[in-house]
Amino acid sequence: MSKKSKFMKNYFKLVEFRKLQKMDTKIVSEEHNFLFKNNILANIPKKYWVFKWKQIHDDLLEKDDSNEEPLEVVDYYLRNLQEMKQEGHGLYIVGGYGTSKTTIATIILRLALKQEYSCFYMHASEIMDFVRASWKDDANRAYWKYITEEIEFLVIDDVARNFTMDDRERAAIDLLFVKRNINNLPIIMTANYNITDTATLFSDALASLLRENLSTVQLKGSDHRAKLSDRIKKRIQKGKNKT
C-alpha cells in the first residue's frame, strides 16, 4: 500500500471512529481545508494550528541562549521525520510552564500530517478516559487499540507526576508504551519534570525502555504565554488606534 493510500485509509478510519463514538462529524465535513480536517481528526487543539517553528525557535532562543542545544534537537527531528518514524524515535520535551512544550509537540504533528503520516494528540488526563472507555464496549476498545497501535506519531501532553491508577489500568498504560516501542511507533511526550521523576506513572523498567527511544529536550525560560498575550493586546490596541 502506498503512503498516500495508507494516509487516506487512516483518514476514513478516524472519521468512522468519530461516528461510532457519537462525536461531532459535522465539524469535519464542513471544513474545506483538507489539512485542517486532519488536524481535527488528529485531535490537535485548534489554538495550536497557527504556530510556526521559526517563530517559536527564535522566541525561545531570545529568552534563554541555553535553549540553543535542545532547539537543535527539535530542528533535526523536524528535518528527519521519515528517519525518526522508521526508528520509532520520539521526544521527551520537558520545561517549566509556558515554555512552548505543547506548541512544539503539535508543530511536529502538523508537519507529520503534511508529510502524510497518521497522527494523534491526547492530553495525559485523557489517557485514563480512553483506557476505561475501552473496557465498556467493542467500539471503544477498537478506537483505543487503533490509536495506540496503528497511529504513527502520538503526542501525550502534560504527563502528570501524580497519576492515580489501579493495577489493571497500569497494565494497559504499560502495554501502550511497550507495543509502540516494539512496533517502532514514535511517542512525543511533554512534562514539567524529568523522566527519571516519573515513578508514580512509569515503573523503573518502563522508564528505562522509554529513555532508549526518546531524546530529551530540556527547555528553559520564563512563561511564554505572557509574551503571546502581550502581542495580542498590542495588535488589538493598534487596531483601535486605526479606527
Protein backbone atom coordinates (compact mmCIF):
# COMPACT_ATOMS: atom_id res chain seq x y z
CA MET A 1 0.00 0.00 0.00
CA SER A 2 1.36 3.42 -0.96
CA LYS A 3 1.95 6.09 1.65
CA LYS A 4 -0.90 8.18 0.18
CA SER A 5 -3.32 5.24 0.27
CA LYS A 6 -2.35 4.46 3.85
CA PHE A 7 -2.89 8.08 4.84
CA MET A 8 -6.34 8.18 3.26
CA LYS A 9 -7.26 4.87 4.89
CA ASN A 10 -6.36 6.39 8.25
CA TYR A 11 -8.46 9.47 7.43
CA PHE A 12 -11.61 7.44 6.79
CA LYS A 13 -10.88 5.16 9.75
CA LEU A 14 -10.79 8.13 12.15
CA VAL A 15 -14.00 9.55 10.63
CA GLU A 16 -15.62 6.16 11.20
CA PHE A 17 -14.47 6.10 14.81
CA ARG A 18 -15.88 9.58 15.40
CA LYS A 19 -19.27 8.33 14.22
CA LEU A 20 -19.09 5.24 16.43
CA GLN A 21 -18.16 7.41 19.40
CA LYS A 22 -21.09 9.72 18.58
CA MET A 23 -18.63 12.58 18.24
CA ASP A 24 -19.40 15.58 16.05
CA THR A 25 -18.62 14.67 12.43
CA LYS A 26 -20.26 17.82 11.06
CA ILE A 27 -17.24 19.91 12.02
CA VAL A 28 -15.08 17.65 9.83
CA SER A 29 -17.44 17.54 6.86
CA GLU A 30 -17.93 21.32 6.84
CA GLU A 31 -14.21 22.12 6.98
CA HIS A 32 -12.99 22.76 3.41
CA ASN A 33 -9.25 22.68 4.11
CA PHE A 34 -8.16 19.02 3.98
CA LEU A 35 -5.18 19.61 6.27
CA PHE A 36 -7.48 21.23 8.85
CA LYS A 37 -9.77 18.20 8.59
CA ASN A 38 -6.82 16.05 9.55
CA ASN A 39 -5.94 18.39 12.42
CA ILE A 40 -9.45 17.81 13.76
CA LEU A 41 -9.25 14.04 13.35
CA ALA A 42 -5.82 14.04 14.98
CA ASN A 43 -7.40 15.79 18.00
CA ILE A 44 -4.95 18.72 17.79
CA PRO A 45 -6.35 21.68 19.79
CA LYS A 46 -7.26 24.49 17.42
CA LYS A 47 -5.21 27.12 19.26
CA TYR A 48 -2.06 25.29 18.12
CA TRP A 49 -2.88 25.25 14.40
CA VAL A 50 -1.25 28.62 13.70
CA PHE A 51 2.20 28.43 15.27
CA LYS A 52 5.31 28.39 13.09
CA TRP A 53 8.53 26.65 14.08
CA LYS A 54 10.79 29.62 13.22
CA GLN A 55 8.73 31.94 15.42
CA ILE A 56 8.85 29.58 18.42
CA HIS A 57 12.52 28.75 17.82
CA ASP A 58 13.55 32.41 17.75
CA ASP A 59 11.44 33.35 20.79
CA LEU A 60 12.88 30.54 22.92
CA LEU A 61 16.43 31.38 21.87
CA GLU A 62 15.84 35.03 22.70
CA LYS A 63 14.53 34.12 26.16
CA ASP A 64 17.48 31.91 27.06
CA ASP A 65 20.50 31.16 24.86
CA SER A 66 20.96 27.84 26.68
CA ASN A 67 17.94 26.68 24.63
CA GLU A 68 20.17 26.51 21.54
CA GLU A 69 21.13 22.84 22.00
CA PRO A 70 17.61 21.47 22.73
CA LEU A 71 16.23 23.52 19.83
CA GLU A 72 18.81 21.91 17.55
CA VAL A 73 17.43 18.51 18.62
CA VAL A 74 13.89 19.58 17.66
CA ASP A 75 15.15 21.08 14.41
CA TYR A 76 16.89 17.82 13.50
CA TYR A 77 13.76 15.86 14.37
CA LEU A 78 11.59 18.05 12.14
CA ARG A 79 14.03 17.72 9.23
CA ASN A 80 14.25 13.94 9.58
CA LEU A 81 10.71 12.78 10.32
CA GLN A 82 10.95 9.81 7.98
CA GLU A 83 14.08 8.53 9.73
CA MET A 84 12.55 9.16 13.16
CA LYS A 85 9.45 7.21 12.17
CA GLN A 86 11.47 4.30 10.80
CA GLU A 87 13.48 4.11 14.02
CA GLY A 88 10.46 4.65 16.27
CA HIS A 89 12.30 7.50 17.94
CA GLY A 90 10.39 10.14 19.92
CA LEU A 91 10.98 13.17 22.11
CA TYR A 92 10.54 13.90 25.80
CA ILE A 93 10.01 17.66 25.95
CA VAL A 94 10.46 19.00 29.47
CA GLY A 95 10.39 22.51 30.90
CA GLY A 96 8.55 24.95 33.11
CA TYR A 97 5.08 26.33 32.50
CA GLY A 98 4.72 28.32 29.30
CA THR A 99 7.98 27.19 27.67
CA SER A 100 6.17 26.11 24.46
CA LYS A 101 6.34 22.35 25.08
CA THR A 102 2.85 21.65 23.73
CA THR A 103 3.36 24.08 20.87
CA ILE A 104 6.50 22.25 19.74
CA ALA A 105 4.80 18.85 20.05
CA THR A 106 1.88 19.98 17.90
CA ILE A 107 4.18 21.62 15.34
CA ILE A 108 5.77 18.19 14.89
CA LEU A 109 2.35 16.57 14.46
CA ARG A 110 1.21 19.15 11.94
CA LEU A 111 4.38 18.69 9.86
CA ALA A 112 3.93 14.91 10.05
CA LEU A 113 0.37 15.32 8.75
CA LYS A 114 1.65 17.41 5.85
CA GLN A 115 4.03 14.56 5.06
CA GLU A 116 1.07 12.14 5.18
CA TYR A 117 1.82 10.32 8.42
CA SER A 118 -1.03 9.38 10.73
CA CYS A 119 -1.02 11.41 13.94
CA PHE A 120 -2.94 11.82 17.17
CA TYR A 121 -2.77 14.19 20.14
CA MET A 122 -4.01 13.33 23.61
CA HIS A 123 -3.64 15.16 26.88
CA ALA A 124 -2.35 12.87 29.63
CA SER A 125 -5.60 13.36 31.55
CA GLU A 126 -7.42 11.76 28.58
CA ILE A 127 -5.43 8.56 28.80
CA MET A 128 -7.42 7.10 31.68
CA ASP A 129 -10.66 8.09 29.94
CA PHE A 130 -9.50 6.18 26.87
CA VAL A 131 -8.40 3.19 28.94
CA ARG A 132 -11.62 2.97 30.96
CA ALA A 133 -13.80 3.52 27.90
CA SER A 134 -12.02 0.70 26.11
CA TRP A 135 -13.42 -1.77 28.66
CA LYS A 136 -17.03 -0.73 28.08
CA ASP A 137 -17.67 -1.93 24.54
CA ASP A 138 -16.03 -3.18 21.36
CA ALA A 139 -16.13 0.20 19.60
CA ASN A 140 -14.24 1.95 22.41
CA ARG A 141 -11.76 -0.89 22.59
CA ALA A 142 -11.15 -0.77 18.83
CA TYR A 143 -10.63 3.02 18.94
CA TRP A 144 -8.06 2.76 21.74
CA LYS A 145 -6.29 -0.12 20.01
CA TYR A 146 -6.14 1.78 16.71
CA ILE A 147 -4.75 4.97 18.22
CA THR A 148 -2.12 3.24 20.33
CA GLU A 149 -1.07 0.51 17.90
CA GLU A 150 -1.56 2.00 14.43
CA ILE A 151 -1.12 5.78 14.61
CA GLU A 152 2.42 6.65 13.52
CA PHE A 153 3.11 9.77 15.61
CA LEU A 154 1.41 10.00 19.02
CA VAL A 155 1.67 13.01 21.34
CA ILE A 156 0.95 12.59 25.05
CA ASP A 157 0.83 16.07 26.51
CA ASP A 158 1.46 17.20 30.09
CA VAL A 159 2.41 13.87 31.65
CA ALA A 160 1.43 14.14 35.30
CA ARG A 161 3.71 13.20 38.19
CA ASN A 162 0.90 12.05 40.48
CA PHE A 163 -1.09 9.71 38.28
CA THR A 164 -3.51 7.52 40.23
CA MET A 165 -4.35 4.14 38.70
CA ASP A 166 -5.07 0.59 39.74
CA ASP A 167 -3.11 -2.46 38.57
CA ARG A 168 -5.39 -3.10 35.60
CA GLU A 169 -5.08 0.47 34.39
CA ARG A 170 -1.30 0.47 34.88
CA ALA A 171 -1.04 -2.72 32.82
CA ALA A 172 -2.99 -1.05 29.99
CA ILE A 173 -0.73 2.03 30.09
CA ASP A 174 2.41 -0.12 30.13
CA LEU A 175 1.10 -2.05 27.14
CA LEU A 176 0.60 1.20 25.22
CA PHE A 177 4.28 2.12 25.53
CA VAL A 178 5.65 -1.39 25.07
CA LYS A 179 3.64 -2.09 21.90
CA ARG A 180 4.57 1.24 20.35
CA ASN A 181 8.19 0.57 21.23
CA ILE A 182 8.35 -2.86 19.58
CA ASN A 183 6.48 -1.58 16.51
CA ASN A 184 8.75 1.46 16.04
CA LEU A 185 5.93 3.96 16.56
CA PRO A 186 7.23 7.26 17.96
CA ILE A 187 5.82 8.89 21.09
CA ILE A 188 6.31 12.57 21.82
CA MET A 189 5.70 13.46 25.46
CA THR A 190 5.68 16.78 27.29
CA ALA A 191 6.15 17.20 31.03
CA ASN A 192 7.20 19.65 33.71
CA TYR A 193 9.75 17.25 35.22
CA ASN A 194 12.43 14.81 34.11
CA ILE A 195 11.62 11.28 33.02
CA THR A 196 13.63 9.96 35.99
CA ASP A 197 11.00 11.51 38.31
CA THR A 198 8.06 9.55 36.91
CA ALA A 199 7.91 6.68 39.41
CA THR A 200 4.18 7.15 40.04
CA LEU A 201 3.45 6.81 36.32
CA PHE A 202 6.21 4.61 34.88
CA SER A 203 7.90 1.66 36.50
CA ASP A 204 11.71 1.75 36.54
CA ALA A 205 11.77 -0.85 33.76
CA LEU A 206 9.37 1.14 31.58
CA ALA A 207 11.21 4.42 32.23
CA SER A 208 14.44 2.69 31.12
CA LEU A 209 12.73 1.42 27.96
CA LEU A 210 11.41 4.90 27.16
CA ARG A 211 14.81 6.53 27.63
CA GLU A 212 16.18 4.26 24.90
CA ASN A 213 13.71 5.66 22.38
CA LEU A 214 13.24 9.27 23.50
CA SER A 215 15.58 12.21 23.12
CA THR A 216 15.14 14.67 25.97
CA VAL A 217 14.52 18.30 25.04
CA GLN A 218 15.09 20.46 28.15
CA LEU A 219 13.61 23.94 27.64
CA LYS A 220 14.32 26.94 29.80
CA GLY A 221 12.92 30.42 30.14
CA SER A 222 10.03 32.39 31.56
CA ASP A 223 6.36 31.80 30.82
CA HIS A 224 5.94 32.26 27.05
CA ARG A 225 2.17 32.66 27.33
CA ALA A 226 2.51 36.12 28.86
CA LYS A 227 4.52 37.25 25.84
CA LEU A 228 1.92 35.89 23.42
CA SER A 229 -0.81 37.64 25.39
CA ASP A 230 1.10 40.94 25.18
CA ARG A 231 1.38 40.53 21.40
CA ILE A 232 -2.36 40.07 21.04
CA LYS A 233 -3.08 43.05 23.29
CA LYS A 234 -0.76 45.22 21.19
CA ARG A 235 -2.49 44.14 17.97
CA ILE A 236 -5.90 44.93 19.48
CA GLN A 237 -4.68 48.35 20.65
CA LYS A 238 -3.12 49.03 17.25
CA GLY A 239 -6.44 48.18 15.59
CA LYS A 240 -8.32 50.52 17.93
CA ASN A 241 -5.93 53.36 17.17
CA LYS A 242 -6.60 52.96 13.44
CA THR A 243 -10.38 53.31 13.93
